[in-house]
């Protein structure tokens, strides 16, 4: 099994990744074998048609959230063209468990399909979790919290170090550490990240804030004001350094106010700084010469 993400999921799973090649296999009915001699099927990596009713979801699947709209789009494509790339399953008694292809499986059920093309493999529990995580990471299907939980589970269950995960998934150790640390955030902030309302970059800035209430307030400000990660980091530093004594005094300049500040700077030809927010604050206009002052005066009179 491949230890590097760069080698691709196709080398790890040992199946064709090109849609045209897979499609040619599926179009040749002789190549799709009935599920009879399972040992031979597993050995030869044959593509078989399995009854969807015999397939179970993978409980180790790190992806928990599937967007209903994109799932319906895939289902419509499957209704029209069928499943182009087979899913990967392992045999579990008289049933099968998905290793890779959870989204295709769900969309096929939504499309009303009775069977689905599959490759039956033999994997250990650790390999199943690794492949499921690798598939999602490679396709960037996971939200940051799902990735963090999956990595944390691998570290705890199999005693993997950050170095092992770094080697297997092609991520730096610092990236692994920062991702897993997201789980230390308050449940309310974690939910915002899961829902896609708060980015991982903004969330990482909040890790050092110990007060859950302040964490959530900063997170909500980031969402409503649409501020940058850098602005979030500055706000966190202000809180940590004691410049903001009370939670109610936390203020972050909105994107609209920043744009207004930039427009004033361009129009007046001097540095302009806005202190405060939309409700209350002050505008500071800097000038360095009599000419600046005269020009500003002329512009304001127009």
C-alpha atoms as a PDB file:
ATOM      1  CA  UNK A   1       0.000   0.000   0.000  1.00  0.00           C
ATOM      2  CA  UNK A   2       1.307   3.432  -0.909  1.00  0.00           C
ATOM      3  CA  UNK A   3       2.660   5.642   1.877  1.00  0.00           C
ATOM      4  CA  UNK A   4       2.529   8.886  -0.075  1.00  0.00           C
ATOM      5  CA  UNK A   5      -0.463  10.918  -1.075  1.00  0.00           C
ATOM      6  CA  UNK A   6       1.394  12.038  -4.177  1.00  0.00           C
ATOM      7  CA  UNK A   7       1.233   8.545  -5.653  1.00  0.00           C
ATOM      8  CA  UNK A   8      -2.509   8.843  -5.901  1.00  0.00           C
ATOM      9  CA  UNK A   9      -5.481   6.863  -4.737  1.00  0.00           C
ATOM     10  CA  UNK A  10      -5.375   4.698  -7.857  1.00  0.00           C
ATOM     11  CA  UNK A  11      -2.036   3.143  -6.867  1.00  0.00           C
ATOM     12  CA  UNK A  12      -3.263   2.564  -3.308  1.00  0.00           C
ATOM     13  CA  UNK A  13      -6.453   0.845  -4.363  1.00  0.00           C
ATOM     14  CA  UNK A  14      -4.938  -0.890  -7.370  1.00  0.00           C
ATOM     15  CA  UNK A  15      -7.825  -0.004  -9.709  1.00  0.00           C
ATOM     16  CA  UNK A  16      -8.120   2.066 -12.848  1.00  0.00           C
ATOM     17  CA  UNK A  17      -8.673   5.773 -12.221  1.00  0.00           C
ATOM     18  CA  UNK A  18      -9.306   6.952 -15.763  1.00  0.00           C
ATOM     19  CA  UNK A  19     -13.006   7.254 -16.450  1.00  0.00           C
ATOM     20  CA  UNK A  20     -12.703   6.146 -20.082  1.00  0.00           C
ATOM     21  CA  UNK A  21     -10.904   2.935 -19.145  1.00  0.00           C
ATOM     22  CA  UNK A  22     -13.335   2.113 -16.366  1.00  0.00           C
ATOM     23  CA  UNK A  23     -16.259   2.933 -18.631  1.00  0.00           C
ATOM     24  CA  UNK A  24     -14.940   0.519 -21.254  1.00  0.00           C
ATOM     25  CA  UNK A  25     -14.872  -2.240 -18.643  1.00  0.00           C
ATOM     26  CA  UNK A  26     -18.412  -1.506 -17.538  1.00  0.00           C
ATOM     27  CA  UNK A  27     -19.681  -1.405 -21.107  1.00  0.00           C
ATOM     28  CA  UNK A  28     -18.337  -4.927 -21.729  1.00  0.00           C
ATOM     29  CA  UNK A  29     -20.883  -7.140 -20.017  1.00  0.00           C
ATOM     30  CA  UNK A  30     -18.585 -10.155 -20.060  1.00  0.00           C
ATOM     31  CA  UNK A  31     -16.143  -8.298 -17.795  1.00  0.00           C
ATOM     32  CA  UNK A  32     -18.740  -7.735 -15.050  1.00  0.00           C
ATOM     33  CA  UNK A  33     -18.786 -11.057 -13.265  1.00  0.00           C
ATOM     34  CA  UNK A  34     -21.522 -12.468 -11.049  1.00  0.00           C
ATOM     35  CA  UNK A  35     -20.678 -12.890  -7.378  1.00  0.00           C
ATOM     36  CA  UNK A  36     -19.908 -16.621  -7.322  1.00  0.00           C
ATOM     37  CA  UNK A  37     -16.271 -17.571  -6.771  1.00  0.00           C
ATOM     38  CA  UNK A  38     -15.406 -14.774  -4.359  1.00  0.00           C
ATOM     39  CA  UNK A  39     -11.786 -15.887  -3.868  1.00  0.00           C
ATOM     40  CA  UNK A  40     -11.085 -15.510  -7.581  1.00  0.00           C
ATOM     41  CA  UNK A  41     -12.889 -12.180  -7.759  1.00  0.00           C
ATOM     42  CA  UNK A  42     -10.841 -10.764  -4.863  1.00  0.00           C
ATOM     43  CA  UNK A  43      -7.614 -12.166  -6.287  1.00  0.00           C
ATOM     44  CA  UNK A  44      -8.180 -10.730  -9.775  1.00  0.00           C
ATOM     45  CA  UNK A  45      -9.598  -7.343  -8.685  1.00  0.00           C
ATOM     46  CA  UNK A  46     -12.584  -8.009 -10.948  1.00  0.00           C
ATOM     47  CA  UNK A  47     -15.404  -5.512 -11.326  1.00  0.00           C
ATOM     48  CA  UNK A  48     -18.684  -7.097 -10.217  1.00  0.00           C
ATOM     49  CA  UNK A  49     -22.279  -5.931  -9.962  1.00  0.00           C
ATOM     50  CA  UNK A  50     -23.429  -6.039  -6.338  1.00  0.00           C
ATOM     51  CA  UNK A  51     -26.939  -5.600  -5.042  1.00  0.00           C
ATOM     52  CA  UNK A  52     -27.135  -2.286  -3.231  1.00  0.00           C
ATOM     53  CA  UNK A  53     -29.318  -3.888  -0.548  1.00  0.00           C
ATOM     54  CA  UNK A  54     -26.346  -6.093   0.443  1.00  0.00           C
ATOM     55  CA  UNK A  55     -23.964  -3.162   0.963  1.00  0.00           C
ATOM     56  CA  UNK A  56     -23.503  -1.337   4.274  1.00  0.00           C
ATOM     57  CA  UNK A  57     -22.085   2.117   4.920  1.00  0.00           C
ATOM     58  CA  UNK A  58     -18.600   2.310   6.357  1.00  0.00           C
ATOM     59  CA  UNK A  59     -18.840   3.313  10.037  1.00  0.00           C
ATOM     60  CA  UNK A  60     -15.171   4.353   9.795  1.00  0.00           C
ATOM     61  CA  UNK A  61     -16.019   6.810   6.991  1.00  0.00           C
ATOM     62  CA  UNK A  62     -14.575  10.146   8.156  1.00  0.00           C
ATOM     63  CA  UNK A  63     -16.993  12.165   6.054  1.00  0.00           C
ATOM     64  CA  UNK A  64     -20.251  12.679   7.947  1.00  0.00           C
ATOM     65  CA  UNK A  65     -21.794  15.562   6.000  1.00  0.00           C
ATOM     66  CA  UNK A  66     -22.939  15.080   2.402  1.00  0.00           C
ATOM     67  CA  UNK A  67     -24.380  18.122   0.644  1.00  0.00           C
ATOM     68  CA  UNK A  68     -27.899  17.277  -0.536  1.00  0.00           C
ATOM     69  CA  UNK A  69     -27.671  19.393  -3.704  1.00  0.00           C
ATOM     70  CA  UNK A  70     -24.385  17.956  -4.972  1.00  0.00           C
ATOM     71  CA  UNK A  71     -25.577  14.453  -4.070  1.00  0.00           C
ATOM     72  CA  UNK A  72     -28.714  14.977  -6.168  1.00  0.00           C
ATOM     73  CA  UNK A  73     -26.581  16.277  -9.057  1.00  0.00           C
ATOM     74  CA  UNK A  74     -24.494  13.092  -8.932  1.00  0.00           C
ATOM     75  CA  UNK A  75     -27.654  10.992  -8.693  1.00  0.00           C
ATOM     76  CA  UNK A  76     -29.009  12.636 -11.837  1.00  0.00           C
ATOM     77  CA  UNK A  77     -25.740  11.916 -13.631  1.00  0.00           C
ATOM     78  CA  UNK A  78     -25.947   8.276 -12.524  1.00  0.00           C
ATOM     79  CA  UNK A  79     -29.532   8.025 -13.772  1.00  0.00           C
ATOM     80  CA  UNK A  80     -28.340   9.168 -17.181  1.00  0.00           C
ATOM     81  CA  UNK A  81     -24.894   7.586 -17.520  1.00  0.00           C
ATOM     82  CA  UNK A  82     -24.649   5.029 -14.719  1.00  0.00           C
ATOM     83  CA  UNK A  83     -21.783   4.689 -12.214  1.00  0.00           C
ATOM     84  CA  UNK A  84     -18.584   5.249 -14.197  1.00  0.00           C
ATOM     85  CA  UNK A  85     -16.066   4.289 -11.493  1.00  0.00           C
ATOM     86  CA  UNK A  86     -16.691   1.228  -9.292  1.00  0.00           C
ATOM     87  CA  UNK A  87     -16.760   1.500  -5.532  1.00  0.00           C
ATOM     88  CA  UNK A  88     -14.411  -0.533  -3.313  1.00  0.00           C
ATOM     89  CA  UNK A  89     -15.869  -2.934  -0.732  1.00  0.00           C
ATOM     90  CA  UNK A  90     -14.798  -5.688   1.652  1.00  0.00           C
ATOM     91  CA  UNK A  91     -16.808  -8.831   2.308  1.00  0.00           C
ATOM     92  CA  UNK A  92     -18.395  -9.043   5.738  1.00  0.00           C
ATOM     93  CA  UNK A  93     -20.114 -12.404   6.092  1.00  0.00           C
ATOM     94  CA  UNK A  94     -22.891 -12.442   3.509  1.00  0.00           C
ATOM     95  CA  UNK A  95     -22.799  -8.655   3.189  1.00  0.00           C
ATOM     96  CA  UNK A  96     -20.319  -6.026   2.041  1.00  0.00           C
ATOM     97  CA  UNK A  97     -18.916  -2.854   3.618  1.00  0.00           C
ATOM     98  CA  UNK A  98     -17.816   0.203   1.640  1.00  0.00           C
ATOM     99  CA  UNK A  99     -14.134   1.106   1.742  1.00  0.00           C
ATOM    100  CA  UNK A 100     -14.142   3.851  -0.895  1.00  0.00           C
ATOM    101  CA  UNK A 101     -16.968   5.379  -2.913  1.00  0.00           C
ATOM    102  CA  UNK A 102     -19.453   6.301  -0.198  1.00  0.00           C
ATOM    103  CA  UNK A 103     -20.739   9.275  -2.194  1.00  0.00           C
ATOM    104  CA  UNK A 104     -21.296   7.197  -5.345  1.00  0.00           C
ATOM    105  CA  UNK A 105     -23.105   4.585  -3.244  1.00  0.00           C
ATOM    106  CA  UNK A 106     -25.450   7.142  -1.659  1.00  0.00           C
ATOM    107  CA  UNK A 107     -26.137   8.806  -4.998  1.00  0.00           C
ATOM    108  CA  UNK A 108     -26.878   5.428  -6.604  1.00  0.00           C
ATOM    109  CA  UNK A 109     -29.465   4.681  -3.922  1.00  0.00           C
ATOM    110  CA  UNK A 110     -30.938   8.137  -4.480  1.00  0.00           C
ATOM    111  CA  UNK A 111     -31.049   7.433  -8.220  1.00  0.00           C
ATOM    112  CA  UNK A 112     -33.072   4.279  -7.571  1.00  0.00           C
ATOM    113  CA  UNK A 113     -30.368   1.861  -8.720  1.00  0.00           C
ATOM    114  CA  UNK A 114     -30.654  -1.770  -7.580  1.00  0.00           C
ATOM    115  CA  UNK A 115     -27.016  -2.709  -8.249  1.00  0.00           C
ATOM    116  CA  UNK A 116     -23.674  -0.920  -8.372  1.00  0.00           C
ATOM    117  CA  UNK A 117     -20.291  -1.857  -9.943  1.00  0.00           C
ATOM    118  CA  UNK A 118     -17.769  -2.758  -7.257  1.00  0.00           C
ATOM    119  CA  UNK A 119     -14.330  -4.223  -6.653  1.00  0.00           C
ATOM    120  CA  UNK A 120     -14.167  -6.613  -3.682  1.00  0.00           C
ATOM    121  CA  UNK A 121     -10.941  -6.419  -1.673  1.00  0.00           C
ATOM    122  CA  UNK A 122      -9.427  -7.770   1.525  1.00  0.00           C
ATOM    123  CA  UNK A 123      -8.255  -5.094   3.968  1.00  0.00           C
ATOM    124  CA  UNK A 124      -7.535  -4.845   7.668  1.00  0.00           C
ATOM    125  CA  UNK A 125      -9.512  -2.397   9.808  1.00  0.00           C
ATOM    126  CA  UNK A 126      -6.537  -0.052   9.853  1.00  0.00           C
ATOM    127  CA  UNK A 127      -6.215  -0.154   6.069  1.00  0.00           C
ATOM    128  CA  UNK A 128      -9.932   0.530   5.640  1.00  0.00           C
ATOM    129  CA  UNK A 129      -9.729   3.657   7.794  1.00  0.00           C
ATOM    130  CA  UNK A 130      -6.551   4.800   6.084  1.00  0.00           C
ATOM    131  CA  UNK A 131      -7.986   4.368   2.589  1.00  0.00           C
ATOM    132  CA  UNK A 132     -11.283   6.056   3.483  1.00  0.00           C
ATOM    133  CA  UNK A 133      -9.413   9.036   4.920  1.00  0.00           C
ATOM    134  CA  UNK A 134      -6.958   9.190   2.018  1.00  0.00           C
ATOM    135  CA  UNK A 135      -9.748   9.154  -0.555  1.00  0.00           C
ATOM    136  CA  UNK A 136     -11.481  12.100   1.099  1.00  0.00           C
ATOM    137  CA  UNK A 137      -8.304  14.104   1.727  1.00  0.00           C
ATOM    138  CA  UNK A 138      -7.136  13.635  -1.847  1.00  0.00           C
ATOM    139  CA  UNK A 139     -10.463  14.852  -3.210  1.00  0.00           C
ATOM    140  CA  UNK A 140     -10.780  17.563  -0.527  1.00  0.00           C
ATOM    141  CA  UNK A 141     -14.211  16.230   0.428  1.00  0.00           C
ATOM    142  CA  UNK A 142     -13.848  16.627   4.203  1.00  0.00           C
ATOM    143  CA  UNK A 143     -14.491  19.719   6.258  1.00  0.00           C
ATOM    144  CA  UNK A 144     -11.617  20.570   8.656  1.00  0.00           C
ATOM    145  CA  UNK A 145     -13.361  19.062  11.694  1.00  0.00           C
ATOM    146  CA  UNK A 146     -14.011  15.749   9.932  1.00  0.00           C
ATOM    147  CA  UNK A 147     -10.339  15.600   8.973  1.00  0.00           C
ATOM    148  CA  UNK A 148      -9.289  16.432  12.530  1.00  0.00           C
ATOM    149  CA  UNK A 149     -11.497  13.717  14.033  1.00  0.00           C
ATOM    150  CA  UNK A 150     -10.288  11.111  11.542  1.00  0.00           C
ATOM    151  CA  UNK A 151      -6.612  11.920  12.193  1.00  0.00           C
ATOM    152  CA  UNK A 152      -7.170  11.964  15.951  1.00  0.00           C
ATOM    153  CA  UNK A 153      -8.864   8.559  15.759  1.00  0.00           C
ATOM    154  CA  UNK A 154      -5.976   7.071  13.786  1.00  0.00           C
ATOM    155  CA  UNK A 155      -3.470   8.439  16.298  1.00  0.00           C
ATOM    156  CA  UNK A 156      -5.360   7.075  19.285  1.00  0.00           C
ATOM    157  CA  UNK A 157      -6.502   3.722  17.888  1.00  0.00           C
ATOM    158  CA  UNK A 158      -3.294   2.711  16.116  1.00  0.00           C
ATOM    159  CA  UNK A 159      -0.782   4.741  18.168  1.00  0.00           C
ATOM    160  CA  UNK A 160       0.286   6.678  15.096  1.00  0.00           C
ATOM    161  CA  UNK A 161       2.558   9.663  15.631  1.00  0.00           C
ATOM    162  CA  UNK A 162       2.267  12.935  13.750  1.00  0.00           C
ATOM    163  CA  UNK A 163       5.383  11.905  11.815  1.00  0.00           C
ATOM    164  CA  UNK A 164       3.739   8.661  10.629  1.00  0.00           C
ATOM    165  CA  UNK A 165       0.635  10.541   9.483  1.00  0.00           C
ATOM    166  CA  UNK A 166       2.805  13.146   7.799  1.00  0.00           C
ATOM    167  CA  UNK A 167       4.599  10.451   5.797  1.00  0.00           C
ATOM    168  CA  UNK A 168       1.423   8.600   4.861  1.00  0.00           C
ATOM    169  CA  UNK A 169      -0.684  11.561   3.787  1.00  0.00           C
ATOM    170  CA  UNK A 170       1.918  13.992   2.504  1.00  0.00           C
ATOM    171  CA  UNK A 171       1.070  16.685   5.042  1.00  0.00           C
ATOM    172  CA  UNK A 172       3.573  18.575   7.205  1.00  0.00           C
ATOM    173  CA  UNK A 173       3.685  17.755  10.910  1.00  0.00           C
ATOM    174  CA  UNK A 174       2.687  21.320  11.759  1.00  0.00           C
ATOM    175  CA  UNK A 175      -0.366  21.033   9.466  1.00  0.00           C
ATOM    176  CA  UNK A 176      -1.346  17.771  11.166  1.00  0.00           C
ATOM    177  CA  UNK A 177      -0.932  19.309  14.627  1.00  0.00           C
ATOM    178  CA  UNK A 178      -2.895  22.460  13.732  1.00  0.00           C
ATOM    179  CA  UNK A 179      -5.715  20.406  12.243  1.00  0.00           C
ATOM    180  CA  UNK A 180      -6.077  18.114  15.257  1.00  0.00           C
ATOM    181  CA  UNK A 181      -5.955  21.115  17.624  1.00  0.00           C
ATOM    182  CA  UNK A 182      -9.239  22.337  16.137  1.00  0.00           C
ATOM    183  CA  UNK A 183     -10.926  19.711  18.311  1.00  0.00           C
ATOM    184  CA  UNK A 184      -9.967  21.743  21.406  1.00  0.00           C
ATOM    185  CA  UNK A 185     -12.343  24.539  20.380  1.00  0.00           C
ATOM    186  CA  UNK A 186     -15.717  24.932  22.070  1.00  0.00           C
ATOM    187  CA  UNK A 187     -18.553  22.768  20.653  1.00  0.00           C
ATOM    188  CA  UNK A 188     -20.364  25.864  19.351  1.00  0.00           C
ATOM    189  CA  UNK A 189     -17.335  27.038  17.359  1.00  0.00           C
ATOM    190  CA  UNK A 190     -16.671  23.498  16.080  1.00  0.00           C
ATOM    191  CA  UNK A 191     -20.241  23.411  14.755  1.00  0.00           C
ATOM    192  CA  UNK A 192     -19.680  26.673  12.858  1.00  0.00           C
ATOM    193  CA  UNK A 193     -16.628  25.132  11.158  1.00  0.00           C
ATOM    194  CA  UNK A 194     -18.548  21.937  10.351  1.00  0.00           C
ATOM    195  CA  UNK A 195     -21.335  23.979   8.761  1.00  0.00           C
ATOM    196  CA  UNK A 196     -18.827  25.857   6.618  1.00  0.00           C
ATOM    197  CA  UNK A 197     -19.652  29.201   8.213  1.00  0.00           C
ATOM    198  CA  UNK A 198     -16.203  29.643   9.787  1.00  0.00           C
ATOM    199  CA  UNK A 199     -12.986  28.826   7.947  1.00  0.00           C
ATOM    200  CA  UNK A 200     -10.243  26.640   9.403  1.00  0.00           C
ATOM    201  CA  UNK A 201      -7.870  29.625   9.336  1.00  0.00           C
ATOM    202  CA  UNK A 202     -10.207  31.744  11.456  1.00  0.00           C
ATOM    203  CA  UNK A 203     -10.855  28.800  13.768  1.00  0.00           C
ATOM    204  CA  UNK A 204      -7.149  28.130  14.309  1.00  0.00           C
ATOM    205  CA  UNK A 205      -6.714  31.719  15.476  1.00  0.00           C
ATOM    206  CA  UNK A 206      -9.242  31.059  18.259  1.00  0.00           C
ATOM    207  CA  UNK A 207      -7.483  28.006  19.728  1.00  0.00           C
ATOM    208  CA  UNK A 208      -5.445  30.153  22.137  1.00  0.00           C
ATOM    209  CA  UNK A 209      -8.593  31.829  23.527  1.00  0.00           C
ATOM    210  CA  UNK A 210      -9.497  29.875  26.671  1.00  0.00           C
ATOM    211  CA  UNK A 211     -12.855  31.516  27.344  1.00  0.00           C
ATOM    212  CA  UNK A 212     -15.548  29.658  25.295  1.00  0.00           C
ATOM    213  CA  UNK A 213     -17.840  32.702  25.340  1.00  0.00           C
ATOM    214  CA  UNK A 214     -15.146  34.963  23.912  1.00  0.00           C
ATOM    215  CA  UNK A 215     -14.294  32.265  21.364  1.00  0.00           C
ATOM    216  CA  UNK A 216     -17.864  32.195  20.128  1.00  0.00           C
ATOM    217  CA  UNK A 217     -18.223  35.981  20.080  1.00  0.00           C
ATOM    218  CA  UNK A 218     -15.070  36.345  17.993  1.00  0.00           C
ATOM    219  CA  UNK A 219     -16.237  33.560  15.679  1.00  0.00           C
ATOM    220  CA  UNK A 220     -19.605  35.239  15.151  1.00  0.00           C
ATOM    221  CA  UNK A 221     -17.932  38.588  14.535  1.00  0.00           C
ATOM    222  CA  UNK A 222     -15.718  36.966  11.899  1.00  0.00           C
ATOM    223  CA  UNK A 223     -18.813  35.596  10.173  1.00  0.00           C
ATOM    224  CA  UNK A 224     -20.975  38.744  10.311  1.00  0.00           C
ATOM    225  CA  UNK A 225     -18.185  41.225   9.550  1.00  0.00           C
ATOM    226  CA  UNK A 226     -16.460  39.014   6.950  1.00  0.00           C
ATOM    227  CA  UNK A 227     -13.038  39.851   8.321  1.00  0.00           C
ATOM    228  CA  UNK A 228      -9.709  38.364   7.243  1.00  0.00           C
ATOM    229  CA  UNK A 229      -7.725  35.794   9.200  1.00  0.00           C
ATOM    230  CA  UNK A 230      -5.119  38.466   9.924  1.00  0.00           C
ATOM    231  CA  UNK A 231      -7.770  40.717  11.467  1.00  0.00           C
ATOM    232  CA  UNK A 232      -8.969  37.789  13.548  1.00  0.00           C
ATOM    233  CA  UNK A 233      -5.431  37.154  14.783  1.00  0.00           C
ATOM    234  CA  UNK A 234      -5.121  40.818  15.747  1.00  0.00           C
ATOM    235  CA  UNK A 235      -8.419  40.726  17.627  1.00  0.00           C
ATOM    236  CA  UNK A 236      -7.281  37.621  19.488  1.00  0.00           C
ATOM    237  CA  UNK A 237      -3.991  39.321  20.415  1.00  0.00           C
ATOM    238  CA  UNK A 238      -5.920  42.306  21.753  1.00  0.00           C
ATOM    239  CA  UNK A 239      -7.995  39.995  23.923  1.00  0.00           C
ATOM    240  CA  UNK A 240      -4.943  38.037  25.111  1.00  0.00           C
ATOM    241  CA  UNK A 241      -2.917  41.160  25.902  1.00  0.00           C
ATOM    242  CA  UNK A 242      -5.718  42.665  27.954  1.00  0.00           C
ATOM    243  CA  UNK A 243      -6.320  45.592  25.582  1.00  0.00           C
ATOM    244  CA  UNK A 244      -9.933  44.453  25.469  1.00  0.00           C
ATOM    245  CA  UNK A 245     -11.030  44.099  29.074  1.00  0.00           C
ATOM    246  CA  UNK A 246     -14.586  42.986  28.515  1.00  0.00           C
ATOM    247  CA  UNK A 247     -16.160  40.685  25.980  1.00  0.00           C
ATOM    248  CA  UNK A 248     -18.720  43.373  25.092  1.00  0.00           C
ATOM    249  CA  UNK A 249     -15.924  45.730  23.980  1.00  0.00           C
ATOM    250  CA  UNK A 250     -14.535  43.431  21.300  1.00  0.00           C
ATOM    251  CA  UNK A 251     -14.767  45.266  17.977  1.00  0.00           C
ATOM    252  CA  UNK A 252     -13.690  44.183  14.531  1.00  0.00           C
ATOM    253  CA  UNK A 253     -13.822  46.396  11.466  1.00  0.00           C
ATOM    254  CA  UNK A 254     -16.123  45.018   8.781  1.00  0.00           C
ATOM    255  CA  UNK A 255     -15.033  44.502   5.175  1.00  0.00           C
ATOM    256  CA  UNK A 256     -17.370  47.301   4.074  1.00  0.00           C
ATOM    257  CA  UNK A 257     -15.808  49.733   6.554  1.00  0.00           C
ATOM    258  CA  UNK A 258     -12.321  48.709   5.420  1.00  0.00           C
ATOM    259  CA  UNK A 259     -13.273  49.397   1.810  1.00  0.00           C
ATOM    260  CA  UNK A 260     -14.639  52.806   2.829  1.00  0.00           C
ATOM    261  CA  UNK A 261     -11.344  53.550   4.589  1.00  0.00           C
ATOM    262  CA  UNK A 262      -9.419  52.638   1.436  1.00  0.00           C
ATOM    263  CA  UNK A 263     -11.683  54.800  -0.728  1.00  0.00           C
ATOM    264  CA  UNK A 264     -11.152  57.804   1.543  1.00  0.00           C
ATOM    265  CA  UNK A 265      -7.381  57.261   1.445  1.00  0.00           C
ATOM    266  CA  UNK A 266      -7.374  57.193  -2.369  1.00  0.00           C
ATOM    267  CA  UNK A 267      -9.690  60.180  -2.715  1.00  0.00           C
ATOM    268  CA  UNK A 268      -7.853  62.413  -0.239  1.00  0.00           C
ATOM    269  CA  UNK A 269      -4.366  61.251  -1.210  1.00  0.00           C
ATOM    270  CA  UNK A 270      -3.309  60.872   2.433  1.00  0.00           C
ATOM    271  CA  UNK A 271      -3.551  58.100   5.016  1.00  0.00           C
ATOM    272  CA  UNK A 272      -7.000  57.768   6.552  1.00  0.00           C
ATOM    273  CA  UNK A 273      -7.759  55.541   9.543  1.00  0.00           C
ATOM    274  CA  UNK A 274     -11.195  54.597  10.855  1.00  0.00           C
ATOM    275  CA  UNK A 275     -11.367  53.625  14.521  1.00  0.00           C
ATOM    276  CA  UNK A 276     -14.546  51.887  15.676  1.00  0.00           C
ATOM    277  CA  UNK A 277     -17.391  50.209  13.817  1.00  0.00           C
ATOM    278  CA  UNK A 278     -20.520  51.143  11.849  1.00  0.00           C
ATOM    279  CA  UNK A 279     -22.319  52.333  14.972  1.00  0.00           C
ATOM    280  CA  UNK A 280     -19.654  54.473  16.600  1.00  0.00           C
ATOM    281  CA  UNK A 281     -16.074  55.607  15.992  1.00  0.00           C
ATOM    282  CA  UNK A 282     -13.893  58.306  14.498  1.00  0.00           C
ATOM    283  CA  UNK A 283     -12.129  59.064  11.217  1.00  0.00           C
ATOM    284  CA  UNK A 284      -8.489  60.166  11.503  1.00  0.00           C
ATOM    285  CA  UNK A 285      -7.073  62.021   8.459  1.00  0.00           C
ATOM    286  CA  UNK A 286      -3.274  62.375   8.397  1.00  0.00           C
ATOM    287  CA  UNK A 287      -1.479  65.162   6.503  1.00  0.00           C
ATOM    288  CA  UNK A 288       2.178  66.113   6.353  1.00  0.00           C
ATOM    289  CA  UNK A 289       2.212  69.508   4.648  1.00  0.00           C
ATOM    290  CA  UNK A 290       0.236  72.689   4.013  1.00  0.00           C
ATOM    291  CA  UNK A 291      -0.341  71.466   0.457  1.00  0.00           C
ATOM    292  CA  UNK A 292      -1.993  68.303   1.819  1.00  0.00           C
ATOM    293  CA  UNK A 293      -4.239  70.359   4.065  1.00  0.00           C
ATOM    294  CA  UNK A 294      -5.226  72.732   1.267  1.00  0.00           C
ATOM    295  CA  UNK A 295      -5.969  69.868  -1.111  1.00  0.00           C
ATOM    296  CA  UNK A 296      -8.101  68.086   1.497  1.00  0.00           C
ATOM    297  CA  UNK A 297      -9.955  71.318   2.190  1.00  0.00           C
ATOM    298  CA  UNK A 298     -10.681  71.802  -1.535  1.00  0.00           C
ATOM    299  CA  UNK A 299     -11.954  68.217  -1.896  1.00  0.00           C
ATOM    300  CA  UNK A 300     -14.259  68.532   1.107  1.00  0.00           C
ATOM    301  CA  UNK A 301     -15.722  71.783  -0.203  1.00  0.00           C
ATOM    302  CA  UNK A 302     -16.781  70.174  -3.498  1.00  0.00           C
END
